[in-house]
Amino acid sequence: MDYIGGNQHPSHKIRVITVEGNSKFEVKPDYATLQVEVITQSKDLSEAQRENALKMNQVIQSLLALNIDRNDIQTAFFNVFPGYDYIEGRQVFRGYEVTNAINVEVHELNEVGIVIDTAIQNGANRITQLEFKLENDAAYYQKALQLALQNANEKANAIASSLRLTYMPVPIEITEETTGGPILYKSVAAAQSNLETPIEQGMISVEATLKVKYQF
């Protein structure tokens, strides 16, 4: 417990106590996002780019055939790197590596595994950054903040009761401690297969923490 009051008489000093309010609850995600990458290699740059474009187009068409909206497929990045090997101390040009990546939103969560397998079977080399998200994450977080403040008030009132105070403490300062939004990150090891990649979506934890100062 802190005392604030400067040179005031001790009987007029303001008593302040700081408590931490926490809240946590789980909700089902609304949609998933993943990154689909097509990687091609060739000593001829134009050939590597041509092959990459053909494969990526095939991947995109296969995803559209799964009724994924065209607006839910966006370019993430496109990179071209020259590759080298070191043989007996010499740098030997191996060829060009072209990587084209797209971000895909999947709103039918029970089809995430099918989307992954379809992309791989149609030319994708790598699936990364699988995330489950909430459409209205801000509303859930606001609810978590309200519950965190309620938790802080309960703690402060319990302290006031133990001190046998005849009045309830008044919050004079509230600091938000939580950072980041509610997102569930998943890792996936995707390989060429005729079997559906099993993806358990799980639940998203929404958390909030507040540091609250009360005047007694």
C-alpha atoms as a PDB file:
ATOM      1  CA  MET A   1       0.000   0.000   0.000  1.00  0.00           C
ATOM      2  CA  ASP A   2       1.325   3.476  -0.923  1.00  0.00           C
ATOM      3  CA  TYR A   3       0.728   6.830   0.718  1.00  0.00           C
ATOM      4  CA  ILE A   4       0.377  10.033  -1.327  1.00  0.00           C
ATOM      5  CA  GLY A   5       0.168  13.462   0.196  1.00  0.00           C
ATOM      6  CA  GLY A   6       3.517  15.263   0.310  1.00  0.00           C
ATOM      7  CA  ASN A   7       3.821  17.449   3.389  1.00  0.00           C
ATOM      8  CA  GLN A   8       0.207  17.029   4.471  1.00  0.00           C
ATOM      9  CA  HIS A   9      -0.620  15.946   7.998  1.00  0.00           C
ATOM     10  CA  PRO A  10      -0.434  12.140   8.325  1.00  0.00           C
ATOM     11  CA  SER A  11      -4.170  11.957   9.002  1.00  0.00           C
ATOM     12  CA  HIS A  12      -4.816  13.556   5.598  1.00  0.00           C
ATOM     13  CA  LYS A  13      -2.547  11.340   3.577  1.00  0.00           C
ATOM     14  CA  ILE A  14      -4.220   9.477   0.701  1.00  0.00           C
ATOM     15  CA  ARG A  15      -3.916   5.729   0.853  1.00  0.00           C
ATOM     16  CA  VAL A  16      -3.438   4.048  -2.523  1.00  0.00           C
ATOM     17  CA  ILE A  17      -3.310   0.381  -3.373  1.00  0.00           C
ATOM     18  CA  THR A  18      -2.618  -1.163  -6.794  1.00  0.00           C
ATOM     19  CA  VAL A  19      -4.207  -4.433  -7.889  1.00  0.00           C
ATOM     20  CA  GLU A  20      -4.109  -6.410 -11.111  1.00  0.00           C
ATOM     21  CA  GLY A  21      -7.332  -7.469 -12.781  1.00  0.00           C
ATOM     22  CA  ASN A  22      -7.324 -10.458 -15.096  1.00  0.00           C
ATOM     23  CA  SER A  23      -9.801 -12.177 -17.372  1.00  0.00           C
ATOM     24  CA  LYS A  24      -9.648 -15.104 -19.760  1.00  0.00           C
ATOM     25  CA  PHE A  25     -12.249 -17.006 -21.758  1.00  0.00           C
ATOM     26  CA  GLU A  26     -12.289 -19.166 -24.873  1.00  0.00           C
ATOM     27  CA  VAL A  27     -14.266 -18.826 -28.102  1.00  0.00           C
ATOM     28  CA  LYS A  28     -14.438 -20.726 -31.358  1.00  0.00           C
ATOM     29  CA  PRO A  29     -12.543 -19.121 -34.275  1.00  0.00           C
ATOM     30  CA  ASP A  30     -14.509 -17.806 -37.263  1.00  0.00           C
ATOM     31  CA  TYR A  31     -11.954 -18.268 -40.041  1.00  0.00           C
ATOM     32  CA  ALA A  32      -8.398 -19.337 -40.796  1.00  0.00           C
ATOM     33  CA  THR A  33      -5.562 -17.824 -42.825  1.00  0.00           C
ATOM     34  CA  LEU A  34      -2.584 -19.623 -44.289  1.00  0.00           C
ATOM     35  CA  GLN A  35       0.307 -18.876 -46.601  1.00  0.00           C
ATOM     36  CA  VAL A  36       0.733 -21.032 -49.700  1.00  0.00           C
ATOM     37  CA  GLU A  37       4.114 -20.968 -51.449  1.00  0.00           C
ATOM     38  CA  VAL A  38       5.242 -22.178 -54.874  1.00  0.00           C
ATOM     39  CA  ILE A  39       9.022 -22.538 -55.252  1.00  0.00           C
ATOM     40  CA  THR A  40      10.734 -23.275 -58.575  1.00  0.00           C
ATOM     41  CA  GLN A  41      14.409 -23.523 -59.534  1.00  0.00           C
ATOM     42  CA  SER A  42      16.273 -23.300 -62.838  1.00  0.00           C
ATOM     43  CA  LYS A  43      19.559 -22.002 -64.203  1.00  0.00           C
ATOM     44  CA  ASP A  44      17.446 -20.025 -66.651  1.00  0.00           C
ATOM     45  CA  LEU A  45      15.593 -17.240 -64.837  1.00  0.00           C
ATOM     46  CA  SER A  46      12.791 -16.952 -67.381  1.00  0.00           C
ATOM     47  CA  GLU A  47      12.205 -20.703 -67.183  1.00  0.00           C
ATOM     48  CA  ALA A  48      12.002 -20.614 -63.368  1.00  0.00           C
ATOM     49  CA  GLN A  49       9.532 -17.726 -63.554  1.00  0.00           C
ATOM     50  CA  ARG A  50       7.444 -19.380 -66.267  1.00  0.00           C
ATOM     51  CA  GLU A  51       7.208 -22.657 -64.361  1.00  0.00           C
ATOM     52  CA  ASN A  52       6.351 -20.791 -61.170  1.00  0.00           C
ATOM     53  CA  ALA A  53       3.581 -18.803 -62.853  1.00  0.00           C
ATOM     54  CA  LEU A  54       2.038 -21.967 -64.315  1.00  0.00           C
ATOM     55  CA  LYS A  55       2.092 -23.790 -60.987  1.00  0.00           C
ATOM     56  CA  MET A  56       0.748 -20.860 -58.996  1.00  0.00           C
ATOM     57  CA  ASN A  57      -2.063 -20.365 -61.482  1.00  0.00           C
ATOM     58  CA  GLN A  58      -2.925 -24.053 -61.125  1.00  0.00           C
ATOM     59  CA  VAL A  59      -2.912 -23.717 -57.330  1.00  0.00           C
ATOM     60  CA  ILE A  60      -5.199 -20.674 -57.445  1.00  0.00           C
ATOM     61  CA  GLN A  61      -7.621 -22.325 -59.856  1.00  0.00           C
ATOM     62  CA  SER A  62      -7.795 -25.401 -57.620  1.00  0.00           C
ATOM     63  CA  LEU A  63      -8.613 -23.208 -54.611  1.00  0.00           C
ATOM     64  CA  LEU A  64     -11.307 -21.339 -56.535  1.00  0.00           C
ATOM     65  CA  ALA A  65     -12.790 -24.732 -57.405  1.00  0.00           C
ATOM     66  CA  LEU A  66     -13.205 -25.281 -53.642  1.00  0.00           C
ATOM     67  CA  ASN A  67     -15.483 -22.195 -53.625  1.00  0.00           C
ATOM     68  CA  ILE A  68     -12.902 -19.946 -51.965  1.00  0.00           C
ATOM     69  CA  ASP A  69     -13.735 -16.361 -52.899  1.00  0.00           C
ATOM     70  CA  ARG A  70     -11.224 -14.673 -55.218  1.00  0.00           C
ATOM     71  CA  ASN A  71     -10.998 -11.754 -52.774  1.00  0.00           C
ATOM     72  CA  ASP A  72      -9.803 -14.201 -50.108  1.00  0.00           C
ATOM     73  CA  ILE A  73      -6.685 -14.998 -52.138  1.00  0.00           C
ATOM     74  CA  GLN A  74      -4.044 -12.263 -52.018  1.00  0.00           C
ATOM     75  CA  THR A  75      -0.375 -12.082 -53.019  1.00  0.00           C
ATOM     76  CA  ALA A  76       1.928 -12.206 -49.985  1.00  0.00           C
ATOM     77  CA  PHE A  77       5.324 -11.818 -51.670  1.00  0.00           C
ATOM     78  CA  PHE A  78       7.357 -12.687 -54.776  1.00  0.00           C
ATOM     79  CA  ASN A  79      11.103 -13.291 -54.469  1.00  0.00           C
ATOM     80  CA  VAL A  80      13.915 -14.206 -56.883  1.00  0.00           C
ATOM     81  CA  PHE A  81      17.267 -15.353 -55.493  1.00  0.00           C
ATOM     82  CA  PRO A  82      20.397 -16.602 -57.270  1.00  0.00           C
ATOM     83  CA  GLY A  83      21.698 -19.754 -55.592  1.00  0.00           C
ATOM     84  CA  TYR A  84      25.345 -20.790 -55.243  1.00  0.00           C
ATOM     85  CA  ASP A  85      27.207 -23.901 -54.133  1.00  0.00           C
ATOM     86  CA  TYR A  86      30.736 -23.846 -52.731  1.00  0.00           C
ATOM     87  CA  ILE A  87      32.887 -26.565 -54.289  1.00  0.00           C
ATOM     88  CA  GLU A  88      36.529 -26.824 -53.232  1.00  0.00           C
ATOM     89  CA  GLY A  89      36.491 -23.225 -52.117  1.00  0.00           C
ATOM     90  CA  ARG A  90      34.948 -21.966 -55.357  1.00  0.00           C
ATOM     91  CA  GLN A  91      31.544 -20.318 -55.658  1.00  0.00           C
ATOM     92  CA  VAL A  92      29.566 -22.165 -58.325  1.00  0.00           C
ATOM     93  CA  PHE A  93      26.258 -20.800 -59.621  1.00  0.00           C
ATOM     94  CA  ARG A  94      23.486 -23.340 -58.967  1.00  0.00           C
ATOM     95  CA  GLY A  95      20.551 -21.520 -60.508  1.00  0.00           C
ATOM     96  CA  TYR A  96      17.727 -19.158 -59.689  1.00  0.00           C
ATOM     97  CA  GLU A  97      15.080 -19.835 -57.043  1.00  0.00           C
ATOM     98  CA  VAL A  98      11.720 -18.153 -57.547  1.00  0.00           C
ATOM     99  CA  THR A  99       9.226 -18.078 -54.664  1.00  0.00           C
ATOM    100  CA  ASN A 100       5.657 -16.877 -55.056  1.00  0.00           C
ATOM    101  CA  ALA A 101       3.439 -16.805 -51.952  1.00  0.00           C
ATOM    102  CA  ILE A 102      -0.253 -16.115 -51.496  1.00  0.00           C
ATOM    103  CA  ASN A 103      -2.347 -15.577 -48.378  1.00  0.00           C
ATOM    104  CA  VAL A 104      -5.595 -17.542 -48.311  1.00  0.00           C
ATOM    105  CA  GLU A 105      -8.596 -17.014 -46.036  1.00  0.00           C
ATOM    106  CA  VAL A 106     -10.703 -20.083 -45.302  1.00  0.00           C
ATOM    107  CA  HIS A 107     -14.149 -19.447 -43.809  1.00  0.00           C
ATOM    108  CA  GLU A 108     -15.247 -23.081 -43.719  1.00  0.00           C
ATOM    109  CA  LEU A 109     -12.974 -24.272 -40.938  1.00  0.00           C
ATOM    110  CA  ASN A 110     -13.707 -27.960 -41.489  1.00  0.00           C
ATOM    111  CA  GLU A 111     -12.150 -27.578 -44.967  1.00  0.00           C
ATOM    112  CA  VAL A 112      -8.743 -26.260 -43.885  1.00  0.00           C
ATOM    113  CA  GLY A 113      -7.147 -29.695 -44.317  1.00  0.00           C
ATOM    114  CA  ILE A 114      -8.721 -30.084 -47.748  1.00  0.00           C
ATOM    115  CA  VAL A 115      -7.415 -26.655 -48.790  1.00  0.00           C
ATOM    116  CA  ILE A 116      -3.888 -27.586 -47.707  1.00  0.00           C
ATOM    117  CA  ASP A 117      -3.934 -30.921 -49.540  1.00  0.00           C
ATOM    118  CA  THR A 118      -5.474 -29.403 -52.671  1.00  0.00           C
ATOM    119  CA  ALA A 119      -2.803 -26.694 -52.835  1.00  0.00           C
ATOM    120  CA  ILE A 120       0.020 -29.225 -52.463  1.00  0.00           C
ATOM    121  CA  GLN A 121      -1.445 -31.643 -54.997  1.00  0.00           C
ATOM    122  CA  ASN A 122      -1.635 -28.806 -57.508  1.00  0.00           C
ATOM    123  CA  GLY A 123       1.926 -27.531 -57.225  1.00  0.00           C
ATOM    124  CA  ALA A 124       2.457 -25.789 -53.871  1.00  0.00           C
ATOM    125  CA  ASN A 125       5.720 -26.655 -52.111  1.00  0.00           C
ATOM    126  CA  ARG A 126       5.126 -25.161 -48.700  1.00  0.00           C
ATOM    127  CA  ILE A 127       2.268 -24.222 -46.366  1.00  0.00           C
ATOM    128  CA  THR A 128       3.102 -21.807 -43.542  1.00  0.00           C
ATOM    129  CA  GLN A 129       1.580 -19.336 -41.065  1.00  0.00           C
ATOM    130  CA  LEU A 130      -1.649 -21.182 -40.330  1.00  0.00           C
ATOM    131  CA  GLU A 131      -3.678 -18.962 -38.011  1.00  0.00           C
ATOM    132  CA  PHE A 132      -7.221 -19.177 -36.641  1.00  0.00           C
ATOM    133  CA  LYS A 133      -8.872 -15.814 -36.085  1.00  0.00           C
ATOM    134  CA  LEU A 134     -12.038 -14.022 -34.975  1.00  0.00           C
ATOM    135  CA  GLU A 135     -14.079 -11.823 -37.291  1.00  0.00           C
ATOM    136  CA  ASN A 136     -14.956  -9.376 -34.498  1.00  0.00           C
ATOM    137  CA  ASP A 137     -11.944  -9.728 -32.236  1.00  0.00           C
ATOM    138  CA  ALA A 138     -12.279  -6.151 -30.946  1.00  0.00           C
ATOM    139  CA  ALA A 139     -15.703  -6.888 -29.412  1.00  0.00           C
ATOM    140  CA  TYR A 140     -14.363  -9.978 -27.628  1.00  0.00           C
ATOM    141  CA  TYR A 141     -11.380  -8.024 -26.319  1.00  0.00           C
ATOM    142  CA  GLN A 142     -13.643  -5.234 -25.024  1.00  0.00           C
ATOM    143  CA  LYS A 143     -15.601  -7.864 -23.106  1.00  0.00           C
ATOM    144  CA  ALA A 144     -12.324  -9.224 -21.681  1.00  0.00           C
ATOM    145  CA  LEU A 145     -11.364  -5.710 -20.528  1.00  0.00           C
ATOM    146  CA  GLN A 146     -14.707  -5.310 -18.777  1.00  0.00           C
ATOM    147  CA  LEU A 147     -14.252  -8.635 -16.996  1.00  0.00           C
ATOM    148  CA  ALA A 148     -10.688  -7.694 -16.024  1.00  0.00           C
ATOM    149  CA  LEU A 149     -11.919  -4.449 -14.459  1.00  0.00           C
ATOM    150  CA  GLN A 150     -14.627  -6.371 -12.626  1.00  0.00           C
ATOM    151  CA  ASN A 151     -11.945  -8.722 -11.291  1.00  0.00           C
ATOM    152  CA  ALA A 152      -9.842  -5.769 -10.120  1.00  0.00           C
ATOM    153  CA  ASN A 153     -12.856  -4.221  -8.368  1.00  0.00           C
ATOM    154  CA  GLU A 154     -13.557  -7.495  -6.577  1.00  0.00           C
ATOM    155  CA  LYS A 155      -9.982  -7.655  -5.324  1.00  0.00           C
ATOM    156  CA  ALA A 156     -10.030  -4.037  -4.158  1.00  0.00           C
ATOM    157  CA  ASN A 157     -13.364  -4.521  -2.379  1.00  0.00           C
ATOM    158  CA  ALA A 158     -12.025  -7.653  -0.670  1.00  0.00           C
ATOM    159  CA  ILE A 159      -9.061  -5.647   0.618  1.00  0.00           C
ATOM    160  CA  ALA A 160     -11.373  -2.863   1.792  1.00  0.00           C
ATOM    161  CA  SER A 161     -13.498  -5.413   3.608  1.00  0.00           C
ATOM    162  CA  SER A 162     -10.468  -6.931   5.329  1.00  0.00           C
ATOM    163  CA  LEU A 163      -9.431  -3.439   6.445  1.00  0.00           C
ATOM    164  CA  ARG A 164     -12.969  -2.918   7.828  1.00  0.00           C
ATOM    165  CA  LEU A 165     -13.473   0.235   5.777  1.00  0.00           C
ATOM    166  CA  THR A 166     -16.953   1.744   5.729  1.00  0.00           C
ATOM    167  CA  TYR A 167     -16.617   2.853   2.103  1.00  0.00           C
ATOM    168  CA  MET A 168     -15.559   1.236  -1.143  1.00  0.00           C
ATOM    169  CA  PRO A 169     -12.245   2.173  -2.838  1.00  0.00           C
ATOM    170  CA  VAL A 170     -12.327   4.539  -5.826  1.00  0.00           C
ATOM    171  CA  PRO A 171     -10.298   3.752  -8.975  1.00  0.00           C
ATOM    172  CA  ILE A 172      -8.043   6.702  -9.828  1.00  0.00           C
ATOM    173  CA  GLU A 173      -5.789   5.183 -12.511  1.00  0.00           C
ATOM    174  CA  ILE A 174      -6.258   2.274 -14.943  1.00  0.00           C
ATOM    175  CA  THR A 175      -3.441   0.932 -17.111  1.00  0.00           C
ATOM    176  CA  GLU A 176      -3.942  -1.622 -19.878  1.00  0.00           C
ATOM    177  CA  GLU A 177      -1.271  -4.314 -19.653  1.00  0.00           C
ATOM    178  CA  THR A 178      -2.345  -6.648 -22.463  1.00  0.00           C
ATOM    179  CA  THR A 179      -0.663  -6.566 -25.876  1.00  0.00           C
ATOM    180  CA  GLY A 180      -1.649  -8.310 -29.096  1.00  0.00           C
ATOM    181  CA  GLY A 181      -4.982  -9.581 -30.355  1.00  0.00           C
ATOM    182  CA  PRO A 182      -6.635 -12.969 -29.877  1.00  0.00           C
ATOM    183  CA  ILE A 183      -5.169 -15.266 -32.575  1.00  0.00           C
ATOM    184  CA  LEU A 184      -4.525 -18.996 -32.415  1.00  0.00           C
ATOM    185  CA  TYR A 185      -1.324 -19.985 -34.227  1.00  0.00           C
ATOM    186  CA  LYS A 186      -0.917 -23.520 -35.568  1.00  0.00           C
ATOM    187  CA  SER A 187       1.973 -25.294 -37.217  1.00  0.00           C
ATOM    188  CA  VAL A 188       1.373 -27.762 -40.024  1.00  0.00           C
ATOM    189  CA  ALA A 189       3.711 -30.272 -41.641  1.00  0.00           C
ATOM    190  CA  ALA A 190       2.228 -30.654 -45.110  1.00  0.00           C
ATOM    191  CA  ALA A 191       3.450 -33.286 -47.539  1.00  0.00           C
ATOM    192  CA  GLN A 192       2.317 -34.800 -50.831  1.00  0.00           C
ATOM    193  CA  SER A 193      -0.451 -37.176 -49.842  1.00  0.00           C
ATOM    194  CA  ASN A 194      -3.796 -38.542 -50.916  1.00  0.00           C
ATOM    195  CA  LEU A 195      -4.985 -38.345 -47.312  1.00  0.00           C
ATOM    196  CA  GLU A 196      -6.499 -35.238 -45.811  1.00  0.00           C
ATOM    197  CA  THR A 197      -4.136 -33.311 -43.552  1.00  0.00           C
ATOM    198  CA  PRO A 198      -5.731 -33.425 -40.055  1.00  0.00           C
ATOM    199  CA  ILE A 199      -6.228 -29.952 -38.622  1.00  0.00           C
ATOM    200  CA  GLU A 200      -7.733 -29.445 -35.184  1.00  0.00           C
ATOM    201  CA  GLN A 201      -8.893 -25.835 -35.017  1.00  0.00           C
ATOM    202  CA  GLY A 202      -9.058 -25.652 -31.227  1.00  0.00           C
ATOM    203  CA  MET A 203     -10.286 -22.640 -29.266  1.00  0.00           C
ATOM    204  CA  ILE A 204      -8.989 -19.075 -29.128  1.00  0.00           C
ATOM    205  CA  SER A 205      -8.164 -17.666 -25.691  1.00  0.00           C
ATOM    206  CA  VAL A 206      -9.185 -14.046 -25.225  1.00  0.00           C
ATOM    207  CA  GLU A 207      -7.290 -12.426 -22.353  1.00  0.00           C
ATOM    208  CA  ALA A 208      -7.018  -8.997 -20.773  1.00  0.00           C
ATOM    209  CA  THR A 209      -4.995  -7.594 -17.890  1.00  0.00           C
ATOM    210  CA  LEU A 210      -5.459  -4.227 -16.209  1.00  0.00           C
ATOM    211  CA  LYS A 211      -3.413  -2.564 -13.479  1.00  0.00           C
ATOM    212  CA  VAL A 212      -5.734  -0.424 -11.389  1.00  0.00           C
ATOM    213  CA  LYS A 213      -4.853   2.054  -8.635  1.00  0.00           C
ATOM    214  CA  TYR A 214      -7.502   2.667  -5.993  1.00  0.00           C
ATOM    215  CA  GLN A 215      -7.785   5.459  -3.456  1.00  0.00           C
ATOM    216  CA  PHE A 216      -8.819   4.452   0.060  1.00  0.00           C
END
